[in-house]
Amino acid sequence: MQDTILDRLAVTIRSRRDEKSEQSYTRKLLDGGVERCAKKFGEEAVEVVIAATAQSDDALRAEAADLLYHLLVVLECRGVTIGEVLDVLESRTGMSGLAEKAARAEQ
């Protein structure tokens, strides 16, 4: 598997489980459980929407980076790896978006 920034960030997030919560924002999020992590992810998603529709490209880039970080935190909290998510995405490559959605609805 290719070592990407998302892979490296996921490893860093995983390592934060062993840090003291007063020293690590990530640890505080993880200690809050999936509800806290998911809520923060949702807040970041809204900020991406706002940046996309009403702010600069730089703001959108920054908010998108925050969103990816918080997605990785949610995945770590649930024990799902970024590799597993990318495998799903890879399996959809070359498939029409409409066909892929229809196939998921049948499951």
PDB file of N, CA and C in Angstrom:
ATOM      1  N   MET A   1       0.851  -1.194   0.000  1.00  0.00           N
ATOM      2  CA  MET A   1       0.000   0.000   0.000  1.00  0.00           C
ATOM      3  C   MET A   1       0.890   1.248   0.000  1.00  0.00           C
ATOM      4  N   GLN A   2       0.463   2.231  -0.708  1.00  0.00           N
ATOM      5  CA  GLN A   2       1.196   3.471  -0.815  1.00  0.00           C
ATOM      6  C   GLN A   2       1.108   4.240   0.510  1.00  0.00           C
ATOM      7  N   ASP A   3       2.213   4.848   0.906  1.00  0.00           N
ATOM      8  CA  ASP A   3       2.248   5.640   2.135  1.00  0.00           C
ATOM      9  C   ASP A   3       1.869   7.079   1.790  1.00  0.00           C
ATOM     10  N   THR A   4       0.635   7.439   2.066  1.00  0.00           N
ATOM     11  CA  THR A   4       0.143   8.780   1.759  1.00  0.00           C
ATOM     12  C   THR A   4       0.054   9.604   3.031  1.00  0.00           C
ATOM     13  N   ILE A   5      -0.200  10.876   2.875  1.00  0.00           N
ATOM     14  CA  ILE A   5      -0.386  11.744   4.037  1.00  0.00           C
ATOM     15  C   ILE A   5      -1.555  11.255   4.883  1.00  0.00           C
ATOM     16  N   LEU A   6      -2.591  10.716   4.253  1.00  0.00           N
ATOM     17  CA  LEU A   6      -3.716  10.194   5.035  1.00  0.00           C
ATOM     18  C   LEU A   6      -3.289   8.977   5.855  1.00  0.00           C
ATOM     19  N   ASP A   7      -2.468   8.119   5.271  1.00  0.00           N
ATOM     20  CA  ASP A   7      -1.951   6.965   6.021  1.00  0.00           C
ATOM     21  C   ASP A   7      -1.117   7.431   7.215  1.00  0.00           C
ATOM     22  N   ARG A   8      -0.239   8.385   6.977  1.00  0.00           N
ATOM     23  CA  ARG A   8       0.632   8.871   8.058  1.00  0.00           C
ATOM     24  C   ARG A   8      -0.174   9.572   9.138  1.00  0.00           C
ATOM     25  N   LEU A   9      -1.174  10.351   8.731  1.00  0.00           N
ATOM     26  CA  LEU A   9      -2.015  11.032   9.720  1.00  0.00           C
ATOM     27  C   LEU A   9      -2.820  10.020  10.528  1.00  0.00           C
ATOM     28  N   ALA A  10      -3.308   8.977   9.885  1.00  0.00           N
ATOM     29  CA  ALA A  10      -4.053   7.933  10.605  1.00  0.00           C
ATOM     30  C   ALA A  10      -3.170   7.258  11.649  1.00  0.00           C
ATOM     31  N   VAL A  11      -1.906   7.016  11.312  1.00  0.00           N
ATOM     32  CA  VAL A  11      -0.968   6.423  12.271  1.00  0.00           C
ATOM     33  C   VAL A  11      -0.749   7.376  13.445  1.00  0.00           C
ATOM     34  N   THR A  12      -0.607   8.654  13.161  1.00  0.00           N
ATOM     35  CA  THR A  12      -0.431   9.646  14.234  1.00  0.00           C
ATOM     36  C   THR A  12      -1.660   9.683  15.134  1.00  0.00           C
ATOM     37  N   ILE A  13      -2.845   9.680  14.538  1.00  0.00           N
ATOM     38  CA  ILE A  13      -4.082   9.691  15.330  1.00  0.00           C
ATOM     39  C   ILE A  13      -4.142   8.455  16.210  1.00  0.00           C
ATOM     40  N   ARG A  14      -3.821   7.295  15.656  1.00  0.00           N
ATOM     41  CA  ARG A  14      -3.830   6.052  16.440  1.00  0.00           C
ATOM     42  C   ARG A  14      -2.857   6.156  17.621  1.00  0.00           C
ATOM     43  N   SER A  15      -1.698   6.759  17.390  1.00  0.00           N
ATOM     44  CA  SER A  15      -0.693   6.869  18.454  1.00  0.00           C
ATOM     45  C   SER A  15      -1.134   7.809  19.569  1.00  0.00           C
ATOM     46  N   ARG A  16      -2.042   8.724  19.277  1.00  0.00           N
ATOM     47  CA  ARG A  16      -2.502   9.688  20.288  1.00  0.00           C
ATOM     48  C   ARG A  16      -3.331   9.020  21.385  1.00  0.00           C
ATOM     49  N   ARG A  17      -3.825   7.821  21.148  1.00  0.00           N
ATOM     50  CA  ARG A  17      -4.577   7.102  22.193  1.00  0.00           C
ATOM     51  C   ARG A  17      -3.735   6.904  23.446  1.00  0.00           C
ATOM     52  N   ASP A  18      -2.413   6.883  23.297  1.00  0.00           N
ATOM     53  CA  ASP A  18      -1.511   6.637  24.417  1.00  0.00           C
ATOM     54  C   ASP A  18      -1.023   7.921  25.089  1.00  0.00           C
ATOM     55  N   GLU A  19      -1.425   9.066  24.583  1.00  0.00           N
ATOM     56  CA  GLU A  19      -0.967  10.332  25.154  1.00  0.00           C
ATOM     57  C   GLU A  19      -1.922  10.821  26.238  1.00  0.00           C
ATOM     58  N   LYS A  20      -1.463  11.720  27.056  1.00  0.00           N
ATOM     59  CA  LYS A  20      -2.309  12.318  28.084  1.00  0.00           C
ATOM     60  C   LYS A  20      -3.280  13.284  27.415  1.00  0.00           C
ATOM     61  N   SER A  21      -4.527  13.250  27.854  1.00  0.00           N
ATOM     62  CA  SER A  21      -5.553  14.050  27.187  1.00  0.00           C
ATOM     63  C   SER A  21      -5.310  15.552  27.319  1.00  0.00           C
ATOM     64  N   GLU A  22      -4.620  15.977  28.362  1.00  0.00           N
ATOM     65  CA  GLU A  22      -4.350  17.411  28.485  1.00  0.00           C
ATOM     66  C   GLU A  22      -3.267  17.865  27.510  1.00  0.00           C
ATOM     67  N   GLN A  23      -2.597  16.915  26.858  1.00  0.00           N
ATOM     68  CA  GLN A  23      -1.551  17.251  25.887  1.00  0.00           C
ATOM     69  C   GLN A  23      -1.980  16.996  24.452  1.00  0.00           C
ATOM     70  N   SER A  24      -3.119  16.366  24.253  1.00  0.00           N
ATOM     71  CA  SER A  24      -3.507  15.955  22.908  1.00  0.00           C
ATOM     72  C   SER A  24      -4.986  16.218  22.636  1.00  0.00           C
ATOM     73  N   TYR A  25      -5.245  17.087  21.669  1.00  0.00           N
ATOM     74  CA  TYR A  25      -6.611  17.357  21.235  1.00  0.00           C
ATOM     75  C   TYR A  25      -7.247  16.083  20.685  1.00  0.00           C
ATOM     76  N   THR A  26      -6.469  15.322  19.933  1.00  0.00           N
ATOM     77  CA  THR A  26      -6.978  14.076  19.364  1.00  0.00           C
ATOM     78  C   THR A  26      -7.405  13.123  20.469  1.00  0.00           C
ATOM     79  N   ARG A  27      -6.606  13.007  21.502  1.00  0.00           N
ATOM     80  CA  ARG A  27      -6.943  12.122  22.622  1.00  0.00           C
ATOM     81  C   ARG A  27      -8.240  12.566  23.292  1.00  0.00           C
ATOM     82  N   LYS A  28      -8.413  13.877  23.439  1.00  0.00           N
ATOM     83  CA  LYS A  28      -9.658  14.387  24.032  1.00  0.00           C
ATOM     84  C   LYS A  28     -10.862  13.991  23.182  1.00  0.00           C
ATOM     85  N   LEU A  29     -10.712  14.109  21.869  1.00  0.00           N
ATOM     86  CA  LEU A  29     -11.800  13.697  20.988  1.00  0.00           C
ATOM     87  C   LEU A  29     -12.088  12.210  21.149  1.00  0.00           C
ATOM     88  N   LEU A  30     -11.050  11.384  21.091  1.00  0.00           N
ATOM     89  CA  LEU A  30     -11.223   9.935  21.198  1.00  0.00           C
ATOM     90  C   LEU A  30     -11.832   9.546  22.538  1.00  0.00           C
ATOM     91  N   ASP A  31     -11.412  10.226  23.605  1.00  0.00           N
ATOM     92  CA  ASP A  31     -11.979   9.951  24.925  1.00  0.00           C
ATOM     93  C   ASP A  31     -13.467  10.271  24.989  1.00  0.00           C
ATOM     94  N   GLY A  32     -13.921  11.193  24.128  1.00  0.00           N
ATOM     95  CA  GLY A  32     -15.327  11.564  24.099  1.00  0.00           C
ATOM     96  C   GLY A  32     -16.206  10.534  23.393  1.00  0.00           C
ATOM     97  N   GLY A  33     -15.593   9.553  22.781  1.00  0.00           N
ATOM     98  CA  GLY A  33     -16.350   8.494  22.113  1.00  0.00           C
ATOM     99  C   GLY A  33     -16.824   8.899  20.731  1.00  0.00           C
ATOM    100  N   VAL A  34     -17.484   7.949  20.105  1.00  0.00           N
ATOM    101  CA  VAL A  34     -17.899   8.142  18.717  1.00  0.00           C
ATOM    102  C   VAL A  34     -18.886   9.300  18.577  1.00  0.00           C
ATOM    103  N   GLU A  35     -19.737   9.524  19.570  1.00  0.00           N
ATOM    104  CA  GLU A  35     -20.704  10.619  19.474  1.00  0.00           C
ATOM    105  C   GLU A  35     -19.996  11.964  19.371  1.00  0.00           C
ATOM    106  N   ARG A  36     -19.003  12.183  20.235  1.00  0.00           N
ATOM    107  CA  ARG A  36     -18.279  13.457  20.212  1.00  0.00           C
ATOM    108  C   ARG A  36     -17.494  13.601  18.910  1.00  0.00           C
ATOM    109  N   CYS A  37     -16.835  12.524  18.499  1.00  0.00           N
ATOM    110  CA  CYS A  37     -16.047  12.564  17.270  1.00  0.00           C
ATOM    111  C   CYS A  37     -16.939  12.819  16.059  1.00  0.00           C
ATOM    112  N   ALA A  38     -18.084  12.160  16.003  1.00  0.00           N
ATOM    113  CA  ALA A  38     -19.003  12.328  14.876  1.00  0.00           C
ATOM    114  C   ALA A  38     -19.612  13.733  14.867  1.00  0.00           C
ATOM    115  N   LYS A  39     -19.919  14.254  16.038  1.00  0.00           N
ATOM    116  CA  LYS A  39     -20.468  15.607  16.122  1.00  0.00           C
ATOM    117  C   LYS A  39     -19.461  16.624  15.594  1.00  0.00           C
ATOM    118  N   LYS A  40     -18.221  16.477  15.986  1.00  0.00           N
ATOM    119  CA  LYS A  40     -17.179  17.389  15.523  1.00  0.00           C
ATOM    120  C   LYS A  40     -16.994  17.256  14.015  1.00  0.00           C
ATOM    121  N   PHE A  41     -17.047  16.024  13.500  1.00  0.00           N
ATOM    122  CA  PHE A  41     -16.955  15.810  12.060  1.00  0.00           C
ATOM    123  C   PHE A  41     -18.091  16.541  11.344  1.00  0.00           C
ATOM    124  N   GLY A  42     -19.302  16.439  11.885  1.00  0.00           N
ATOM    125  CA  GLY A  42     -20.446  17.130  11.298  1.00  0.00           C
ATOM    126  C   GLY A  42     -20.270  18.645  11.294  1.00  0.00           C
ATOM    127  N   GLU A  43     -19.737  19.188  12.374  1.00  0.00           N
ATOM    128  CA  GLU A  43     -19.475  20.627  12.440  1.00  0.00           C
ATOM    129  C   GLU A  43     -18.493  21.032  11.349  1.00  0.00           C
ATOM    130  N   GLU A  44     -17.463  20.213  11.178  1.00  0.00           N
ATOM    131  CA  GLU A  44     -16.455  20.510  10.154  1.00  0.00           C
ATOM    132  C   GLU A  44     -17.063  20.418   8.756  1.00  0.00           C
ATOM    133  N   ALA A  45     -17.974  19.466   8.545  1.00  0.00           N
ATOM    134  CA  ALA A  45     -18.628  19.338   7.237  1.00  0.00           C
ATOM    135  C   ALA A  45     -19.417  20.602   6.906  1.00  0.00           C
ATOM    136  N   VAL A  46     -20.103  21.149   7.896  1.00  0.00           N
ATOM    137  CA  VAL A  46     -20.843  22.391   7.689  1.00  0.00           C
ATOM    138  C   VAL A  46     -19.883  23.522   7.340  1.00  0.00           C
ATOM    139  N   GLU A  47     -18.742  23.573   7.997  1.00  0.00           N
ATOM    140  CA  GLU A  47     -17.750  24.607   7.695  1.00  0.00           C
ATOM    141  C   GLU A  47     -17.212  24.467   6.274  1.00  0.00           C
ATOM    142  N   VAL A  48     -17.087  23.241   5.783  1.00  0.00           N
ATOM    143  CA  VAL A  48     -16.668  23.034   4.393  1.00  0.00           C
ATOM    144  C   VAL A  48     -17.739  23.579   3.448  1.00  0.00           C
ATOM    145  N   VAL A  49     -18.996  23.309   3.739  1.00  0.00           N
ATOM    146  CA  VAL A  49     -20.086  23.809   2.892  1.00  0.00           C
ATOM    147  C   VAL A  49     -20.061  25.332   2.855  1.00  0.00           C
ATOM    148  N   ILE A  50     -19.902  25.955   3.999  1.00  0.00           N
ATOM    149  CA  ILE A  50     -19.855  27.418   4.063  1.00  0.00           C
ATOM    150  C   ILE A  50     -18.673  27.951   3.273  1.00  0.00           C
ATOM    151  N   ALA A  51     -17.510  27.346   3.465  1.00  0.00           N
ATOM    152  CA  ALA A  51     -16.324  27.788   2.731  1.00  0.00           C
ATOM    153  C   ALA A  51     -16.500  27.598   1.226  1.00  0.00           C
ATOM    154  N   ALA A  52     -17.116  26.484   0.836  1.00  0.00           N
ATOM    155  CA  ALA A  52     -17.303  26.202  -0.593  1.00  0.00           C
ATOM    156  C   ALA A  52     -18.238  27.202  -1.261  1.00  0.00           C
ATOM    157  N   THR A  53     -19.213  27.664  -0.514  1.00  0.00           N
ATOM    158  CA  THR A  53     -20.216  28.532  -1.119  1.00  0.00           C
ATOM    159  C   THR A  53     -19.988  30.023  -0.888  1.00  0.00           C
ATOM    160  N   ALA A  54     -19.174  30.371   0.112  1.00  0.00           N
ATOM    161  CA  ALA A  54     -19.104  31.794   0.456  1.00  0.00           C
ATOM    162  C   ALA A  54     -17.717  32.298   0.852  1.00  0.00           C
ATOM    163  N   GLN A  55     -16.693  31.468   0.735  1.00  0.00           N
ATOM    164  CA  GLN A  55     -15.373  31.914   1.179  1.00  0.00           C
ATOM    165  C   GLN A  55     -14.331  31.656   0.101  1.00  0.00           C
ATOM    166  N   SER A  56     -13.108  32.004   0.411  1.00  0.00           N
ATOM    167  CA  SER A  56     -12.007  31.888  -0.546  1.00  0.00           C
ATOM    168  C   SER A  56     -11.574  30.441  -0.757  1.00  0.00           C
ATOM    169  N   ASP A  57     -10.808  30.221  -1.803  1.00  0.00           N
ATOM    170  CA  ASP A  57     -10.239  28.898  -2.050  1.00  0.00           C
ATOM    171  C   ASP A  57      -9.331  28.474  -0.903  1.00  0.00           C
ATOM    172  N   ASP A  58      -8.574  29.416  -0.345  1.00  0.00           N
ATOM    173  CA  ASP A  58      -7.708  29.089   0.799  1.00  0.00           C
ATOM    174  C   ASP A  58      -8.535  28.619   1.992  1.00  0.00           C
ATOM    175  N   ALA A  59      -9.652  29.271   2.240  1.00  0.00           N
ATOM    176  CA  ALA A  59     -10.529  28.862   3.345  1.00  0.00           C
ATOM    177  C   ALA A  59     -11.079  27.468   3.089  1.00  0.00           C
ATOM    178  N   LEU A  60     -11.474  27.206   1.855  1.00  0.00           N
ATOM    179  CA  LEU A  60     -11.993  25.881   1.508  1.00  0.00           C
ATOM    180  C   LEU A  60     -10.920  24.811   1.707  1.00  0.00           C
ATOM    181  N   ARG A  61      -9.701  25.092   1.279  1.00  0.00           N
ATOM    182  CA  ARG A  61      -8.615  24.124   1.471  1.00  0.00           C
ATOM    183  C   ARG A  61      -8.407  23.826   2.954  1.00  0.00           C
ATOM    184  N   ALA A  62      -8.391  24.867   3.769  1.00  0.00           N
ATOM    185  CA  ALA A  62      -8.171  24.691   5.202  1.00  0.00           C
ATOM    186  C   ALA A  62      -9.304  23.902   5.843  1.00  0.00           C
ATOM    187  N   GLU A  63     -10.527  24.218   5.491  1.00  0.00           N
ATOM    188  CA  GLU A  63     -11.676  23.504   6.064  1.00  0.00           C
ATOM    189  C   GLU A  63     -11.722  22.057   5.569  1.00  0.00           C
ATOM    190  N   ALA A  64     -11.358  21.821   4.317  1.00  0.00           N
ATOM    191  CA  ALA A  64     -11.320  20.455   3.795  1.00  0.00           C
ATOM    192  C   ALA A  64     -10.265  19.633   4.524  1.00  0.00           C
ATOM    193  N   ALA A  65      -9.126  20.244   4.830  1.00  0.00           N
ATOM    194  CA  ALA A  65      -8.088  19.540   5.594  1.00  0.00           C
ATOM    195  C   ALA A  65      -8.602  19.189   6.988  1.00  0.00           C
ATOM    196  N   ASP A  66      -9.300  20.124   7.630  1.00  0.00           N
ATOM    197  CA  ASP A  66      -9.889  19.849   8.950  1.00  0.00           C
ATOM    198  C   ASP A  66     -10.891  18.696   8.859  1.00  0.00           C
ATOM    199  N   LEU A  67     -11.685  18.692   7.797  1.00  0.00           N
ATOM    200  CA  LEU A  67     -12.695  17.641   7.617  1.00  0.00           C
ATOM    201  C   LEU A  67     -12.037  16.269   7.475  1.00  0.00           C
ATOM    202  N   LEU A  68     -10.979  16.188   6.685  1.00  0.00           N
ATOM    203  CA  LEU A  68     -10.280  14.912   6.525  1.00  0.00           C
ATOM    204  C   LEU A  68      -9.694  14.429   7.847  1.00  0.00           C
ATOM    205  N   TYR A  69      -9.096  15.343   8.614  1.00  0.00           N
ATOM    206  CA  TYR A  69      -8.557  14.982   9.927  1.00  0.00           C
ATOM    207  C   TYR A  69      -9.671  14.404  10.810  1.00  0.00           C
ATOM    208  N   HIS A  70     -10.803  15.091  10.871  1.00  0.00           N
ATOM    209  CA  HIS A  70     -11.891  14.645  11.741  1.00  0.00           C
ATOM    210  C   HIS A  70     -12.526  13.352  11.238  1.00  0.00           C
ATOM    211  N   LEU A  71     -12.529  13.128   9.931  1.00  0.00           N
ATOM    212  CA  LEU A  71     -12.974  11.841   9.406  1.00  0.00           C
ATOM    213  C   LEU A  71     -12.063  10.728   9.906  1.00  0.00           C
ATOM    214  N   LEU A  72     -10.760  10.952   9.865  1.00  0.00           N
ATOM    215  CA  LEU A  72      -9.816   9.943  10.352  1.00  0.00           C
ATOM    216  C   LEU A  72      -9.991   9.682  11.842  1.00  0.00           C
ATOM    217  N   VAL A  73     -10.328  10.706  12.606  1.00  0.00           N
ATOM    218  CA  VAL A  73     -10.585  10.518  14.038  1.00  0.00           C
ATOM    219  C   VAL A  73     -11.827   9.647  14.235  1.00  0.00           C
ATOM    220  N   VAL A  74     -12.884   9.914  13.477  1.00  0.00           N
ATOM    221  CA  VAL A  74     -14.097   9.089  13.570  1.00  0.00           C
ATOM    222  C   VAL A  74     -13.779   7.646  13.206  1.00  0.00           C
ATOM    223  N   LEU A  75     -13.042   7.451  12.142  1.00  0.00           N
ATOM    224  CA  LEU A  75     -12.680   6.092  11.724  1.00  0.00           C
ATOM    225  C   LEU A  75     -11.883   5.385  12.815  1.00  0.00           C
ATOM    226  N   GLU A  76     -10.920   6.079  13.402  1.00  0.00           N
ATOM    227  CA  GLU A  76     -10.117   5.483  14.484  1.00  0.00           C
ATOM    228  C   GLU A  76     -10.999   5.123  15.668  1.00  0.00           C
ATOM    229  N   CYS A  77     -11.915   5.996  15.997  1.00  0.00           N
ATOM    230  CA  CYS A  77     -12.806   5.747  17.127  1.00  0.00           C
ATOM    231  C   CYS A  77     -13.623   4.476  16.911  1.00  0.00           C
ATOM    232  N   ARG A  78     -13.987   4.211  15.668  1.00  0.00           N
ATOM    233  CA  ARG A  78     -14.784   3.031  15.336  1.00  0.00           C
ATOM    234  C   ARG A  78     -13.937   1.821  14.953  1.00  0.00           C
ATOM    235  N   GLY A  79     -12.624   1.983  14.866  1.00  0.00           N
ATOM    236  CA  GLY A  79     -11.767   0.863  14.505  1.00  0.00           C
ATOM    237  C   GLY A  79     -11.786   0.526  13.027  1.00  0.00           C
ATOM    238  N   VAL A  80     -12.117   1.495  12.203  1.00  0.00           N
ATOM    239  CA  VAL A  80     -12.122   1.339  10.747  1.00  0.00           C
ATOM    240  C   VAL A  80     -10.885   2.044  10.208  1.00  0.00           C
ATOM    241  N   THR A  81     -10.147   1.384   9.324  1.00  0.00           N
ATOM    242  CA  THR A  81      -8.934   2.004   8.793  1.00  0.00           C
ATOM    243  C   THR A  81      -9.218   2.781   7.521  1.00  0.00           C
ATOM    244  N   ILE A  82      -8.356   3.748   7.251  1.00  0.00           N
ATOM    245  CA  ILE A  82      -8.473   4.497   6.000  1.00  0.00           C
ATOM    246  C   ILE A  82      -8.258   3.553   4.816  1.00  0.00           C
ATOM    247  N   GLY A  83      -7.435   2.547   4.991  1.00  0.00           N
ATOM    248  CA  GLY A  83      -7.226   1.562   3.939  1.00  0.00           C
ATOM    249  C   GLY A  83      -8.501   0.833   3.568  1.00  0.00           C
ATOM    250  N   GLU A  84      -9.306   0.501   4.560  1.00  0.00           N
ATOM    251  CA  GLU A  84     -10.584  -0.165   4.301  1.00  0.00           C
ATOM    252  C   GLU A  84     -11.534   0.746   3.525  1.00  0.00           C
ATOM    253  N   VAL A  85     -11.536   2.020   3.877  1.00  0.00           N
ATOM    254  CA  VAL A  85     -12.377   2.980   3.170  1.00  0.00           C
ATOM    255  C   VAL A  85     -11.897   3.134   1.728  1.00  0.00           C
ATOM    256  N   LEU A  86     -10.596   3.226   1.559  1.00  0.00           N
ATOM    257  CA  LEU A  86     -10.045   3.364   0.212  1.00  0.00           C
ATOM    258  C   LEU A  86     -10.300   2.113  -0.621  1.00  0.00           C
ATOM    259  N   ASP A  87     -10.319   0.948   0.011  1.00  0.00           N
ATOM    260  CA  ASP A  87     -10.656  -0.288  -0.709  1.00  0.00           C
ATOM    261  C   ASP A  87     -12.080  -0.226  -1.260  1.00  0.00           C
ATOM    262  N   VAL A  88     -13.012   0.297  -0.468  1.00  0.00           N
ATOM    263  CA  VAL A  88     -14.391   0.447  -0.932  1.00  0.00           C
ATOM    264  C   VAL A  88     -14.430   1.414  -2.110  1.00  0.00           C
ATOM    265  N   LEU A  89     -13.714   2.518  -1.970  1.00  0.00           N
ATOM    266  CA  LEU A  89     -13.674   3.503  -3.045  1.00  0.00           C
ATOM    267  C   LEU A  89     -13.074   2.889  -4.310  1.00  0.00           C
ATOM    268  N   GLU A  90     -12.017   2.129  -4.138  1.00  0.00           N
ATOM    269  CA  GLU A  90     -11.379   1.457  -5.272  1.00  0.00           C
ATOM    270  C   GLU A  90     -12.353   0.503  -5.960  1.00  0.00           C
ATOM    271  N   SER A  91     -13.151  -0.207  -5.172  1.00  0.00           N
ATOM    272  CA  SER A  91     -14.100  -1.156  -5.757  1.00  0.00           C
ATOM    273  C   SER A  91     -15.181  -0.461  -6.574  1.00  0.00           C
ATOM    274  N   ARG A  92     -15.389   0.801  -6.313  1.00  0.00           N
ATOM    275  CA  ARG A  92     -16.401   1.563  -7.050  1.00  0.00           C
ATOM    276  C   ARG A  92     -15.844   2.220  -8.309  1.00  0.00           C
ATOM    277  N   THR A  93     -14.532   2.247  -8.442  1.00  0.00           N
ATOM    278  CA  THR A  93     -13.898   2.907  -9.577  1.00  0.00           C
ATOM    279  C   THR A  93     -14.331   2.240 -10.875  1.00  0.00           C
ATOM    280  N   GLY A  94     -14.715   3.043 -11.831  1.00  0.00           N
ATOM    281  CA  GLY A  94     -15.143   2.521 -13.111  1.00  0.00           C
ATOM    282  C   GLY A  94     -16.616   2.196 -13.172  1.00  0.00           C
ATOM    283  N   MET A  95     -17.305   2.340 -12.051  1.00  0.00           N
ATOM    284  CA  MET A  95     -18.739   2.057 -12.007  1.00  0.00           C
ATOM    285  C   MET A  95     -19.489   3.385 -12.031  1.00  0.00           C
ATOM    286  N   SER A  96     -20.547   3.422 -12.772  1.00  0.00           N
ATOM    287  CA  SER A  96     -21.392   4.605 -12.794  1.00  0.00           C
ATOM    288  C   SER A  96     -21.886   4.900 -11.384  1.00  0.00           C
ATOM    289  N   GLY A  97     -21.909   6.156 -11.018  1.00  0.00           N
ATOM    290  CA  GLY A  97     -22.414   6.533  -9.706  1.00  0.00           C
ATOM    291  C   GLY A  97     -23.845   6.094  -9.488  1.00  0.00           C
ATOM    292  N   LEU A  98     -24.646   6.167 -10.532  1.00  0.00           N
ATOM    293  CA  LEU A  98     -26.047   5.751 -10.417  1.00  0.00           C
ATOM    294  C   LEU A  98     -26.141   4.235 -10.235  1.00  0.00           C
ATOM    295  N   ALA A  99     -25.308   3.488 -10.965  1.00  0.00           N
ATOM    296  CA  ALA A  99     -25.316   2.027 -10.823  1.00  0.00           C
ATOM    297  C   ALA A  99     -24.827   1.618  -9.444  1.00  0.00           C
ATOM    298  N   GLU A 100     -23.808   2.313  -8.944  1.00  0.00           N
ATOM    299  CA  GLU A 100     -23.263   1.994  -7.617  1.00  0.00           C
ATOM    300  C   GLU A 100     -24.311   2.238  -6.550  1.00  0.00           C
ATOM    301  N   LYS A 101     -25.024   3.349  -6.626  1.00  0.00           N
ATOM    302  CA  LYS A 101     -26.072   3.634  -5.643  1.00  0.00           C
ATOM    303  C   LYS A 101     -27.195   2.602  -5.713  1.00  0.00           C
ATOM    304  N   ALA A 102     -27.555   2.203  -6.899  1.00  0.00           N
ATOM    305  CA  ALA A 102     -28.602   1.189  -7.065  1.00  0.00           C
ATOM    306  C   ALA A 102     -28.177  -0.141  -6.460  1.00  0.00           C
ATOM    307  N   ALA A 103     -26.899  -0.491  -6.641  1.00  0.00           N
ATOM    308  CA  ALA A 103     -26.392  -1.745  -6.072  1.00  0.00           C
ATOM    309  C   ALA A 103     -26.407  -1.703  -4.545  1.00  0.00           C
ATOM    310  N   ARG A 104     -26.085  -0.561  -3.967  1.00  0.00           N
ATOM    311  CA  ARG A 104     -26.117  -0.439  -2.502  1.00  0.00           C
ATOM    312  C   ARG A 104     -27.546  -0.525  -1.989  1.00  0.00           C
ATOM    313  N   ALA A 105     -28.495   0.020  -2.720  1.00  0.00           N
ATOM    314  CA  ALA A 105     -29.895  -0.002  -2.286  1.00  0.00           C
ATOM    315  C   ALA A 105     -30.444  -1.416  -2.270  1.00  0.00           C
ATOM    316  N   GLU A 106     -29.901  -2.294  -3.111  1.00  0.00           N
ATOM    317  CA  GLU A 106     -30.360  -3.687  -3.177  1.00  0.00           C
ATOM    318  C   GLU A 106     -29.822  -4.528  -2.022  1.00  0.00           C
ATOM    319  N   GLN A 107     -28.782  -4.064  -1.364  1.00  0.00           N
ATOM    320  CA  GLN A 107     -28.156  -4.852  -0.288  1.00  0.00           C
ATOM    321  C   GLN A 107     -28.920  -4.783   1.005  1.00  0.00           C
TER     322      GLN A 107
END
